[in-house]
Amino acid sequence: MNRPRNRQPRPPGQTQRPGGRSSHLGRRAPGTPQQAAGTVPTSRQVVVGAAVFIVLKEDQPTGRETQGIVQDVLTSGDHPRGIKVRLRGGQVGRVQRLDDGSSQPSNGAALASGASFNANSKFNSRYTDIRNDADFDNYLQGPPPRSLADFMPSLEPPATTDDLDDAGGAPLDEGTAVCPICETFTGDEAAVTHHLEREHFS
């Protein structure tokens, strides 16, 4: 069965390539000054442990850079938009320039050392050094000493006079029954039934 093709109008500047892929006429403008100048670092410069500035995928429209240390190199060889790396903080992006220690991030870049993350990230968190807390000395001392009794449930309150049977004997719990004939035998329901059949009805 032949299905009709969805013939939607194309915006000006786009052409249809064979195979269904469209392309923009003309070249796309480079995203960062380093890409425009062709000065992105090479694969020899971008190695594990190098301090770099990257542009995350979500920051490509703004060119905002994130500073960090390379954990993994994800691109084999050079790339015109920058070599893709994973930083120690977990961010993935393309290296725009090396961090020589005196460089400042452009466009308000984030520091990817684990102290703070990109504001668009799902996992925003702030880490502090516990040694700077006022309660650190109490933390080192630990909890007060405890015994096994501290973990045991409290005992039930003592029995009241309402719980005693008519003869003034031991307290009765709800599972205890008294023989209705002699009123001297006590036990659970099965024992009282056996007592009645054996002593009073046989």
N, C-alpha and C. Protein backbone atom coordinates (compact mmCIF):
# COMPACT_ATOMS: atom_id res chain seq x y z
N MET A 1 0.84 -1.16 0.00
CA MET A 1 0.00 0.00 0.00
C MET A 1 0.88 1.23 0.00
N ASN A 2 0.60 2.15 -0.87
CA ASN A 2 1.37 3.38 -0.95
C ASN A 2 0.78 4.41 0.01
N ARG A 3 1.65 4.98 0.82
CA ARG A 3 1.21 6.02 1.74
C ARG A 3 1.60 7.37 1.18
N PRO A 4 0.77 8.35 1.36
CA PRO A 4 1.14 9.68 0.86
C PRO A 4 2.27 10.25 1.69
N ARG A 5 3.16 10.97 1.07
CA ARG A 5 4.26 11.59 1.77
C ARG A 5 3.79 12.89 2.42
N ASN A 6 4.38 13.17 3.53
CA ASN A 6 4.05 14.40 4.24
C ASN A 6 4.81 15.53 3.57
N ARG A 7 4.15 16.31 2.79
CA ARG A 7 4.78 17.40 2.04
C ARG A 7 4.61 18.71 2.80
N GLN A 8 5.48 18.95 3.73
CA GLN A 8 5.44 20.20 4.47
C GLN A 8 6.36 21.20 3.81
N PRO A 9 5.99 22.46 3.82
CA PRO A 9 6.86 23.46 3.20
C PRO A 9 8.16 23.59 3.97
N ARG A 10 9.25 23.77 3.27
CA ARG A 10 10.56 23.92 3.88
C ARG A 10 10.87 25.40 4.07
N PRO A 11 11.52 25.76 5.17
CA PRO A 11 11.93 27.15 5.33
C PRO A 11 12.95 27.53 4.26
N PRO A 12 13.02 28.80 3.90
CA PRO A 12 14.00 29.20 2.89
C PRO A 12 15.41 28.92 3.38
N GLY A 13 16.27 28.52 2.47
CA GLY A 13 17.66 28.23 2.83
C GLY A 13 17.93 26.77 3.08
N GLN A 14 16.92 25.92 3.00
CA GLN A 14 17.13 24.49 3.19
C GLN A 14 16.84 23.77 1.89
N THR A 15 17.65 22.80 1.60
CA THR A 15 17.42 21.96 0.43
C THR A 15 17.33 20.53 0.90
N GLN A 16 16.75 19.69 0.07
CA GLN A 16 16.59 18.28 0.40
C GLN A 16 17.69 17.50 -0.29
N ARG A 17 18.47 16.78 0.51
CA ARG A 17 19.50 15.90 -0.04
C ARG A 17 18.90 14.56 -0.38
N PRO A 18 19.53 13.82 -1.29
CA PRO A 18 19.08 12.44 -1.52
C PRO A 18 19.23 11.64 -0.22
N GLY A 19 18.26 10.84 0.08
CA GLY A 19 18.30 10.05 1.30
C GLY A 19 17.47 10.69 2.40
N GLY A 20 16.84 11.83 2.11
CA GLY A 20 15.93 12.42 3.08
C GLY A 20 16.58 13.38 4.05
N ARG A 21 17.88 13.64 3.97
CA ARG A 21 18.54 14.53 4.92
C ARG A 21 18.55 15.93 4.35
N SER A 22 18.21 16.89 5.18
CA SER A 22 18.21 18.27 4.71
C SER A 22 19.48 18.95 5.17
N SER A 23 19.87 19.97 4.46
CA SER A 23 21.06 20.72 4.85
C SER A 23 20.79 22.19 4.64
N HIS A 24 21.43 23.00 5.45
CA HIS A 24 21.32 24.44 5.29
C HIS A 24 22.24 24.87 4.16
N LEU A 25 21.78 25.80 3.37
CA LEU A 25 22.66 26.37 2.36
C LEU A 25 23.63 27.29 3.06
N GLY A 26 24.84 27.25 2.68
CA GLY A 26 25.84 28.08 3.33
C GLY A 26 26.40 27.37 4.55
N ARG A 27 27.44 27.94 5.11
CA ARG A 27 28.09 27.32 6.27
C ARG A 27 27.55 27.90 7.55
N ARG A 28 27.56 27.10 8.57
CA ARG A 28 27.13 27.54 9.88
C ARG A 28 28.26 28.32 10.54
N ALA A 29 27.93 29.36 11.26
CA ALA A 29 28.96 30.17 11.92
C ALA A 29 29.56 29.39 13.07
N PRO A 30 30.87 29.47 13.29
CA PRO A 30 31.49 28.78 14.41
C PRO A 30 30.94 29.30 15.73
N GLY A 31 30.87 28.40 16.73
CA GLY A 31 30.26 28.75 17.99
C GLY A 31 31.12 29.59 18.90
N THR A 32 32.42 29.41 18.91
CA THR A 32 33.30 30.14 19.83
C THR A 32 34.41 30.80 19.04
N PRO A 33 35.08 31.79 19.64
CA PRO A 33 36.20 32.44 18.94
C PRO A 33 37.32 31.46 18.59
N GLN A 34 37.55 30.46 19.44
CA GLN A 34 38.61 29.48 19.17
C GLN A 34 38.26 28.65 17.94
N GLN A 35 36.98 28.31 17.79
CA GLN A 35 36.57 27.55 16.61
C GLN A 35 36.70 28.40 15.36
N ALA A 36 36.34 29.69 15.47
CA ALA A 36 36.43 30.58 14.32
C ALA A 36 37.88 30.76 13.89
N ALA A 37 38.78 30.87 14.87
CA ALA A 37 40.19 31.08 14.55
C ALA A 37 40.91 29.77 14.26
N GLY A 38 40.26 28.65 14.55
CA GLY A 38 40.90 27.35 14.32
C GLY A 38 42.00 27.07 15.32
N THR A 39 41.84 27.58 16.56
CA THR A 39 42.89 27.40 17.57
C THR A 39 42.47 26.47 18.70
N VAL A 40 41.53 25.58 18.45
CA VAL A 40 41.17 24.62 19.50
C VAL A 40 42.35 23.69 19.73
N PRO A 41 42.56 23.23 20.97
CA PRO A 41 43.72 22.37 21.26
C PRO A 41 43.69 21.06 20.47
N THR A 42 44.87 20.53 20.21
CA THR A 42 45.02 19.29 19.44
C THR A 42 44.99 18.09 20.38
N SER A 43 44.95 16.91 19.78
CA SER A 43 44.91 15.68 20.57
C SER A 43 46.20 15.47 21.35
N ARG A 44 47.29 16.10 20.95
CA ARG A 44 48.54 15.98 21.71
C ARG A 44 48.48 16.82 22.98
N GLN A 45 47.71 17.90 22.94
CA GLN A 45 47.62 18.78 24.11
C GLN A 45 46.54 18.31 25.09
N VAL A 46 45.48 17.72 24.57
CA VAL A 46 44.37 17.30 25.42
C VAL A 46 44.62 15.86 25.86
N VAL A 47 45.10 15.73 27.09
CA VAL A 47 45.41 14.41 27.65
C VAL A 47 44.72 14.30 29.01
N VAL A 48 44.65 13.09 29.53
CA VAL A 48 44.04 12.86 30.84
C VAL A 48 44.84 13.65 31.88
N GLY A 49 44.13 14.39 32.71
CA GLY A 49 44.76 15.19 33.76
C GLY A 49 45.00 16.63 33.37
N ALA A 50 44.74 17.01 32.11
CA ALA A 50 44.97 18.38 31.66
C ALA A 50 43.84 19.28 32.17
N ALA A 51 44.22 20.52 32.55
CA ALA A 51 43.24 21.52 32.96
C ALA A 51 42.75 22.23 31.71
N VAL A 52 41.43 22.21 31.49
CA VAL A 52 40.87 22.72 30.23
C VAL A 52 39.61 23.52 30.50
N PHE A 53 39.16 24.23 29.46
CA PHE A 53 37.85 24.85 29.42
C PHE A 53 37.06 24.15 28.33
N ILE A 54 35.85 23.69 28.67
CA ILE A 54 35.01 23.01 27.68
C ILE A 54 33.70 23.78 27.52
N VAL A 55 33.02 23.50 26.42
CA VAL A 55 31.67 24.00 26.21
C VAL A 55 30.74 22.79 26.23
N LEU A 56 29.80 22.79 27.18
CA LEU A 56 28.83 21.70 27.27
C LEU A 56 27.84 21.80 26.13
N LYS A 57 27.19 20.70 25.80
CA LYS A 57 26.25 20.70 24.68
C LYS A 57 25.13 21.71 24.88
N GLU A 58 24.60 21.78 26.12
CA GLU A 58 23.51 22.72 26.35
C GLU A 58 23.98 24.18 26.35
N ASP A 59 25.30 24.40 26.46
CA ASP A 59 25.84 25.76 26.44
C ASP A 59 26.37 26.16 25.07
N GLN A 60 26.20 25.33 24.06
CA GLN A 60 26.73 25.66 22.73
C GLN A 60 26.14 26.95 22.16
N PRO A 61 24.83 27.23 22.33
CA PRO A 61 24.32 28.49 21.78
C PRO A 61 24.95 29.73 22.41
N THR A 62 25.28 29.66 23.71
CA THR A 62 25.84 30.82 24.39
C THR A 62 27.36 30.82 24.40
N GLY A 63 27.98 29.67 24.20
CA GLY A 63 29.44 29.58 24.26
C GLY A 63 29.99 29.61 25.67
N ARG A 64 29.15 29.39 26.66
CA ARG A 64 29.57 29.41 28.06
C ARG A 64 30.54 28.26 28.32
N GLU A 65 31.65 28.58 28.97
CA GLU A 65 32.69 27.58 29.20
C GLU A 65 32.61 27.04 30.62
N THR A 66 33.03 25.79 30.77
CA THR A 66 33.12 25.13 32.06
C THR A 66 34.56 24.69 32.26
N GLN A 67 35.10 25.02 33.42
CA GLN A 67 36.50 24.71 33.71
C GLN A 67 36.58 23.38 34.44
N GLY A 68 37.62 22.59 34.17
CA GLY A 68 37.78 21.33 34.86
C GLY A 68 39.02 20.58 34.44
N ILE A 69 39.16 19.38 34.98
CA ILE A 69 40.30 18.49 34.71
C ILE A 69 39.79 17.31 33.90
N VAL A 70 40.53 16.96 32.84
CA VAL A 70 40.12 15.87 31.94
C VAL A 70 40.24 14.53 32.66
N GLN A 71 39.14 13.78 32.65
CA GLN A 71 39.16 12.40 33.18
C GLN A 71 39.28 11.40 32.04
N ASP A 72 38.51 11.61 30.95
CA ASP A 72 38.53 10.71 29.80
C ASP A 72 38.52 11.54 28.53
N VAL A 73 39.31 11.10 27.54
CA VAL A 73 39.28 11.72 26.21
C VAL A 73 38.36 10.84 25.37
N LEU A 74 37.29 11.45 24.81
CA LEU A 74 36.26 10.68 24.11
C LEU A 74 36.39 10.74 22.59
N THR A 75 37.24 11.61 22.07
CA THR A 75 37.43 11.74 20.63
C THR A 75 38.82 11.25 20.27
N SER A 76 38.89 10.40 19.25
CA SER A 76 40.21 9.96 18.78
C SER A 76 40.63 10.90 17.65
N GLY A 77 41.69 11.62 17.87
CA GLY A 77 42.17 12.55 16.85
C GLY A 77 41.62 13.95 17.06
N ASP A 78 42.01 14.85 16.17
CA ASP A 78 41.60 16.25 16.27
C ASP A 78 40.18 16.44 15.71
N HIS A 79 39.55 17.53 16.14
CA HIS A 79 38.21 17.85 15.68
C HIS A 79 38.11 19.36 15.53
N PRO A 80 37.49 19.86 14.46
CA PRO A 80 37.46 21.31 14.25
C PRO A 80 36.69 22.08 15.33
N ARG A 81 35.72 21.44 15.97
CA ARG A 81 34.97 22.12 17.04
C ARG A 81 35.53 21.83 18.41
N GLY A 82 36.58 21.05 18.51
CA GLY A 82 37.19 20.73 19.80
C GLY A 82 37.06 19.26 20.12
N ILE A 83 38.02 18.75 20.84
CA ILE A 83 38.04 17.33 21.21
C ILE A 83 37.05 17.11 22.36
N LYS A 84 36.23 16.08 22.23
CA LYS A 84 35.22 15.80 23.26
C LYS A 84 35.89 15.06 24.42
N VAL A 85 35.63 15.55 25.65
CA VAL A 85 36.21 14.95 26.85
C VAL A 85 35.15 14.85 27.94
N ARG A 86 35.45 14.02 28.94
CA ARG A 86 34.65 13.95 30.17
C ARG A 86 35.53 14.48 31.29
N LEU A 87 35.00 15.45 32.04
CA LEU A 87 35.74 16.02 33.15
C LEU A 87 35.58 15.16 34.40
N ARG A 88 36.40 15.42 35.41
CA ARG A 88 36.31 14.67 36.66
C ARG A 88 34.97 14.87 37.35
N GLY A 89 34.33 16.01 37.11
CA GLY A 89 33.01 16.26 37.69
C GLY A 89 31.89 15.55 36.96
N GLY A 90 32.19 14.87 35.83
CA GLY A 90 31.18 14.12 35.09
C GLY A 90 30.64 14.84 33.87
N GLN A 91 30.97 16.13 33.69
CA GLN A 91 30.46 16.87 32.54
C GLN A 91 31.18 16.44 31.27
N VAL A 92 30.45 16.44 30.16
CA VAL A 92 31.01 16.08 28.86
C VAL A 92 30.85 17.28 27.94
N GLY A 93 31.93 17.62 27.26
CA GLY A 93 31.87 18.74 26.32
C GLY A 93 33.11 18.76 25.45
N ARG A 94 33.19 19.78 24.59
CA ARG A 94 34.32 19.91 23.67
C ARG A 94 35.30 20.94 24.20
N VAL A 95 36.59 20.57 24.17
CA VAL A 95 37.65 21.44 24.69
C VAL A 95 37.82 22.63 23.75
N GLN A 96 37.76 23.84 24.33
CA GLN A 96 37.96 25.07 23.55
C GLN A 96 39.35 25.64 23.76
N ARG A 97 39.88 25.48 24.97
CA ARG A 97 41.23 25.98 25.24
C ARG A 97 41.75 25.32 26.49
N LEU A 98 43.07 25.39 26.64
CA LEU A 98 43.73 24.84 27.81
C LEU A 98 43.72 25.88 28.92
N ASP A 99 43.73 25.42 30.16
CA ASP A 99 43.77 26.31 31.32
C ASP A 99 45.22 26.39 31.78
N ASP A 100 45.82 27.58 31.57
CA ASP A 100 47.21 27.75 31.98
C ASP A 100 47.33 28.27 33.40
N GLY A 101 46.23 28.40 34.11
CA GLY A 101 46.25 28.86 35.49
C GLY A 101 45.91 30.32 35.62
N SER A 102 46.19 31.13 34.62
CA SER A 102 45.89 32.56 34.69
C SER A 102 44.63 32.91 33.91
N SER A 103 44.09 31.96 33.16
CA SER A 103 42.91 32.23 32.33
C SER A 103 41.66 32.33 33.19
N GLN A 104 40.76 33.18 32.76
CA GLN A 104 39.45 33.29 33.39
C GLN A 104 38.42 32.72 32.43
N PRO A 105 37.40 32.04 32.92
CA PRO A 105 36.38 31.50 32.04
C PRO A 105 35.63 32.62 31.33
N SER A 106 35.24 32.36 30.10
CA SER A 106 34.47 33.35 29.36
C SER A 106 32.99 33.09 29.53
N ASN A 107 32.19 34.14 29.41
CA ASN A 107 30.73 34.07 29.52
C ASN A 107 30.27 33.46 30.84
N GLY A 108 30.94 33.78 31.93
CA GLY A 108 30.51 33.30 33.25
C GLY A 108 30.57 31.81 33.37
N ALA A 109 31.70 31.21 33.06
CA ALA A 109 31.81 29.76 33.07
C ALA A 109 31.70 29.20 34.47
N ALA A 110 31.30 27.97 34.53
CA ALA A 110 31.17 27.28 35.80
C ALA A 110 32.45 26.52 36.09
N LEU A 111 32.73 26.35 37.38
CA LEU A 111 33.88 25.56 37.79
C LEU A 111 33.40 24.13 37.99
N ALA A 112 34.05 23.17 37.35
CA ALA A 112 33.57 21.78 37.38
C ALA A 112 34.40 20.93 38.31
N SER A 113 34.79 21.46 39.46
CA SER A 113 35.63 20.70 40.38
C SER A 113 34.81 19.90 41.37
N GLY A 114 33.51 19.96 41.30
CA GLY A 114 32.66 19.24 42.24
C GLY A 114 32.06 20.19 43.27
N ALA A 115 32.58 21.43 43.38
CA ALA A 115 32.04 22.37 44.33
C ALA A 115 30.72 22.94 43.85
N SER A 116 30.60 23.15 42.55
CA SER A 116 29.34 23.64 42.00
C SER A 116 29.20 23.13 40.59
N PHE A 117 27.97 23.02 40.14
CA PHE A 117 27.72 22.49 38.82
C PHE A 117 26.94 23.51 38.01
N ASN A 118 26.74 23.19 36.77
CA ASN A 118 25.96 24.01 35.86
C ASN A 118 24.55 24.18 36.42
N ALA A 119 24.03 25.40 36.32
CA ALA A 119 22.71 25.68 36.88
C ALA A 119 21.61 24.88 36.19
N ASN A 120 21.83 24.44 34.94
CA ASN A 120 20.82 23.67 34.22
C ASN A 120 20.88 22.19 34.57
N SER A 121 21.88 21.79 35.35
CA SER A 121 22.07 20.38 35.66
C SER A 121 20.95 19.87 36.56
N LYS A 122 20.62 18.58 36.45
CA LYS A 122 19.59 17.98 37.29
C LYS A 122 20.05 17.92 38.74
N PHE A 123 21.34 17.69 38.96
CA PHE A 123 21.85 17.43 40.29
C PHE A 123 22.63 18.63 40.81
N ASN A 124 21.92 19.64 41.25
CA ASN A 124 22.59 20.78 41.86
C ASN A 124 22.82 20.45 43.32
N SER A 125 24.04 20.59 43.79
CA SER A 125 24.32 20.33 45.19
C SER A 125 25.53 21.16 45.60
N ARG A 126 25.64 21.37 46.90
CA ARG A 126 26.75 22.15 47.41
C ARG A 126 27.47 21.30 48.44
N TYR A 127 28.76 21.21 48.32
CA TYR A 127 29.55 20.41 49.23
C TYR A 127 30.30 21.33 50.18
N THR A 128 30.36 20.96 51.45
CA THR A 128 31.12 21.73 52.42
C THR A 128 32.06 20.79 53.14
N ASP A 129 33.08 21.38 53.73
CA ASP A 129 34.05 20.61 54.49
C ASP A 129 33.52 20.50 55.91
N ILE A 130 33.29 19.29 56.38
CA ILE A 130 32.71 19.09 57.71
C ILE A 130 33.64 19.60 58.79
N ARG A 131 34.94 19.66 58.51
CA ARG A 131 35.89 20.13 59.51
C ARG A 131 35.69 21.60 59.85
N ASN A 132 35.00 22.35 58.98
CA ASN A 132 34.75 23.76 59.24
C ASN A 132 33.47 23.98 60.04
N ASP A 133 32.70 22.95 60.28
CA ASP A 133 31.45 23.09 61.02
C ASP A 133 31.73 23.34 62.50
N ALA A 134 30.82 24.07 63.14
CA ALA A 134 30.97 24.36 64.57
C ALA A 134 30.83 23.10 65.41
N ASP A 135 30.05 22.12 64.95
CA ASP A 135 29.82 20.89 65.70
C ASP A 135 30.84 19.80 65.41
N PHE A 136 31.95 20.15 64.77
CA PHE A 136 32.91 19.12 64.38
C PHE A 136 33.49 18.41 65.60
N ASP A 137 33.74 19.15 66.70
CA ASP A 137 34.29 18.52 67.91
C ASP A 137 33.30 17.50 68.48
N ASN A 138 32.01 17.83 68.45
CA ASN A 138 31.01 16.87 68.92
C ASN A 138 30.94 15.66 68.00
N TYR A 139 31.16 15.88 66.72
CA TYR A 139 31.14 14.78 65.76
C TYR A 139 32.26 13.80 66.06
N LEU A 140 33.44 14.31 66.43
CA LEU A 140 34.57 13.44 66.73
C LEU A 140 34.33 12.63 68.00
N GLN A 141 33.62 13.21 68.98
CA GLN A 141 33.38 12.51 70.23
C GLN A 141 32.41 11.36 70.06
N GLY A 142 31.50 11.46 69.13
CA GLY A 142 30.55 10.40 68.87
C GLY A 142 29.36 10.46 69.81
N PRO A 143 28.47 9.51 69.70
CA PRO A 143 27.28 9.51 70.55
C PRO A 143 27.64 9.11 71.98
N PRO A 144 26.77 9.40 72.95
CA PRO A 144 27.05 9.00 74.33
C PRO A 144 27.05 7.48 74.44
N PRO A 145 27.74 6.94 75.44
CA PRO A 145 27.77 5.47 75.58
C PRO A 145 26.37 4.93 75.87
N ARG A 146 26.09 3.77 75.33
CA ARG A 146 24.78 3.15 75.50
C ARG A 146 24.96 1.71 75.95
N SER A 147 23.93 1.20 76.62
CA SER A 147 23.93 -0.20 77.02
C SER A 147 22.81 -0.91 76.26
N LEU A 148 22.72 -2.21 76.43
CA LEU A 148 21.69 -2.98 75.76
C LEU A 148 20.30 -2.55 76.21
N ALA A 149 20.19 -2.11 77.46
CA ALA A 149 18.89 -1.70 77.99
C ALA A 149 18.34 -0.48 77.25
N ASP A 150 19.22 0.35 76.69
CA ASP A 150 18.76 1.52 75.94
C ASP A 150 18.01 1.12 74.68
N PHE A 151 18.26 -0.07 74.17
CA PHE A 151 17.62 -0.51 72.94
C PHE A 151 16.43 -1.44 73.18
N MET A 152 16.18 -1.83 74.42
CA MET A 152 15.07 -2.72 74.73
C MET A 152 13.79 -1.91 74.92
N PRO A 153 12.64 -2.45 74.54
CA PRO A 153 11.39 -1.72 74.77
C PRO A 153 11.09 -1.66 76.26
N SER A 154 10.37 -0.63 76.67
CA SER A 154 10.04 -0.49 78.09
C SER A 154 9.06 -1.60 78.48
N LEU A 155 9.13 -2.00 79.75
CA LEU A 155 8.25 -3.06 80.25
C LEU A 155 6.84 -2.53 80.41
N GLU A 156 5.86 -3.45 80.40
CA GLU A 156 4.47 -3.05 80.57
C GLU A 156 4.27 -2.54 81.99
N PRO A 157 3.31 -1.64 82.21
CA PRO A 157 3.06 -1.13 83.57
C PRO A 157 2.60 -2.27 84.48
N PRO A 158 2.81 -2.13 85.79
CA PRO A 158 2.41 -3.20 86.71
C PRO A 158 0.90 -3.43 86.67
N ALA A 159 0.50 -4.66 87.03
CA ALA A 159 -0.91 -5.05 86.97
C ALA A 159 -1.71 -4.27 88.01
N THR A 160 -2.92 -3.91 87.65
CA THR A 160 -3.81 -3.21 88.58
C THR A 160 -4.73 -4.22 89.24
N THR A 161 -5.52 -3.78 90.19
CA THR A 161 -6.43 -4.69 90.89
C THR A 161 -7.53 -5.20 89.98
N ASP A 162 -7.80 -4.48 88.87
CA ASP A 162 -8.83 -4.95 87.95
C ASP A 162 -8.41 -6.23 87.25
N ASP A 163 -7.09 -6.44 87.13
CA ASP A 163 -6.60 -7.62 86.42
C ASP A 163 -6.59 -8.87 87.30
N LEU A 164 -6.80 -8.71 88.61
CA LEU A 164 -6.75 -9.87 89.50
C LEU A 164 -8.08 -10.61 89.44
N ASP A 165 -8.02 -11.93 89.62
CA ASP A 165 -9.27 -12.67 89.61
C ASP A 165 -10.02 -12.47 90.94
N ASP A 166 -11.24 -13.00 91.04
CA ASP A 166 -12.07 -12.77 92.22
C ASP A 166 -11.45 -13.31 93.49
N ALA A 167 -10.67 -14.36 93.40
CA ALA A 167 -10.07 -14.97 94.59
C ALA A 167 -8.86 -14.19 95.06
N GLY A 168 -8.46 -13.12 94.33
CA GLY A 168 -7.30 -12.33 94.73
C GLY A 168 -6.00 -12.98 94.32
N GLY A 169 -6.05 -13.89 93.37
CA GLY A 169 -4.84 -14.59 92.95
C GLY A 169 -4.03 -13.80 91.93
N ALA A 170 -3.34 -14.53 91.09
CA ALA A 170 -2.46 -13.93 90.09
C ALA A 170 -3.28 -13.18 89.05
N PRO A 171 -2.70 -12.17 88.44
CA PRO A 171 -3.44 -11.43 87.41
C PRO A 171 -3.76 -12.33 86.23
N LEU A 172 -4.92 -12.08 85.63
CA LEU A 172 -5.36 -12.86 84.49
C LEU A 172 -5.14 -12.06 83.22
N ASP A 173 -4.64 -12.71 82.22
CA ASP A 173 -4.55 -12.01 80.94
C ASP A 173 -5.75 -12.40 80.09
N GLU A 174 -5.88 -11.81 78.95
CA GLU A 174 -7.07 -12.03 78.13
C GLU A 174 -7.14 -13.46 77.59
N GLY A 175 -6.03 -14.18 77.53
CA GLY A 175 -6.04 -15.54 77.02
C GLY A 175 -6.36 -16.58 78.09
N THR A 176 -6.51 -16.16 79.34
CA THR A 176 -6.76 -17.09 80.44
C THR A 176 -8.27 -17.19 80.70
N ALA A 177 -8.73 -18.45 80.89
CA ALA A 177 -10.15 -18.70 81.19
C ALA A 177 -10.25 -19.41 82.53
N VAL A 178 -11.42 -19.28 83.18
CA VAL A 178 -11.67 -19.91 84.49
C VAL A 178 -12.81 -20.90 84.31
N CYS A 179 -12.71 -22.03 85.00
CA CYS A 179 -13.76 -23.04 84.93
C CYS A 179 -15.05 -22.44 85.50
N PRO A 180 -16.15 -22.47 84.73
CA PRO A 180 -17.39 -21.84 85.21
C PRO A 180 -18.10 -22.65 86.31
N ILE A 181 -17.69 -23.89 86.53
CA ILE A 181 -18.38 -24.73 87.52
C ILE A 181 -17.67 -24.65 88.86
N CYS A 182 -16.39 -24.99 88.89
CA CYS A 182 -15.68 -25.00 90.17
C CYS A 182 -14.98 -23.68 90.47
N GLU A 183 -14.75 -22.89 89.49
CA GLU A 183 -14.10 -21.59 89.57
C GLU A 183 -12.73 -21.64 90.23
N THR A 184 -12.10 -22.82 90.22
CA THR A 184 -10.74 -22.92 90.77
C THR A 184 -9.72 -23.21 89.68
N PHE A 185 -10.15 -23.87 88.63
CA PHE A 185 -9.22 -24.21 87.55
C PHE A 185 -9.11 -23.04 86.57
N THR A 186 -7.87 -22.67 86.26
CA THR A 186 -7.63 -21.62 85.26
C THR A 186 -6.67 -22.16 84.21
N GLY A 187 -6.81 -21.64 83.03
CA GLY A 187 -5.95 -22.04 81.91
C GLY A 187 -6.47 -21.43 80.62
N ASP A 188 -5.84 -21.83 79.54
CA ASP A 188 -6.35 -21.30 78.26
C ASP A 188 -7.66 -22.01 77.92
N GLU A 189 -8.29 -21.59 76.87
CA GLU A 189 -9.63 -22.09 76.53
C GLU A 189 -9.63 -23.59 76.29
N ALA A 190 -8.61 -24.11 75.63
CA ALA A 190 -8.56 -25.55 75.36
C ALA A 190 -8.39 -26.34 76.65
N ALA A 191 -7.57 -25.81 77.58
CA ALA A 191 -7.35 -26.52 78.84
C ALA A 191 -8.63 -26.54 79.69
N VAL A 192 -9.34 -25.42 79.72
CA VAL A 192 -10.58 -25.37 80.50
C VAL A 192 -11.62 -26.32 79.90
N THR A 193 -11.71 -26.39 78.57
CA THR A 193 -12.65 -27.31 77.92
C THR A 193 -12.31 -28.75 78.28
N HIS A 194 -11.02 -29.11 78.25
CA HIS A 194 -10.61 -30.46 78.60
C HIS A 194 -10.93 -30.75 80.08
N HIS A 195 -10.71 -29.77 80.96
CA HIS A 195 -11.01 -29.92 82.39
C HIS A 195 -12.51 -30.16 82.60
N LEU A 196 -13.35 -29.39 81.90
CA LEU A 196 -14.80 -29.56 82.05
C LEU A 196 -15.24 -30.96 81.63
N GLU A 197 -14.76 -31.45 80.49
CA GLU A 197 -15.17 -32.77 80.01
C GLU A 197 -14.67 -33.87 80.93
N ARG A 198 -13.50 -33.72 81.48
CA ARG A 198 -12.90 -34.80 82.28
C ARG A 198 -13.40 -34.79 83.73
N GLU A 199 -13.51 -33.61 84.33
CA GLU A 199 -13.83 -33.55 85.76
C GLU A 199 -15.32 -33.39 86.04
N HIS A 200 -16.02 -32.65 85.20
CA HIS A 200 -17.40 -32.33 85.55
C HIS A 200 -18.45 -33.06 84.71
N PHE A 201 -18.14 -33.43 83.48
CA PHE A 201 -19.16 -34.04 82.62
C PHE A 201 -18.91 -35.51 82.32
N SER A 202 -18.00 -36.16 82.98
CA SER A 202 -17.75 -37.57 82.68
C SER A 202 -18.34 -38.47 83.74
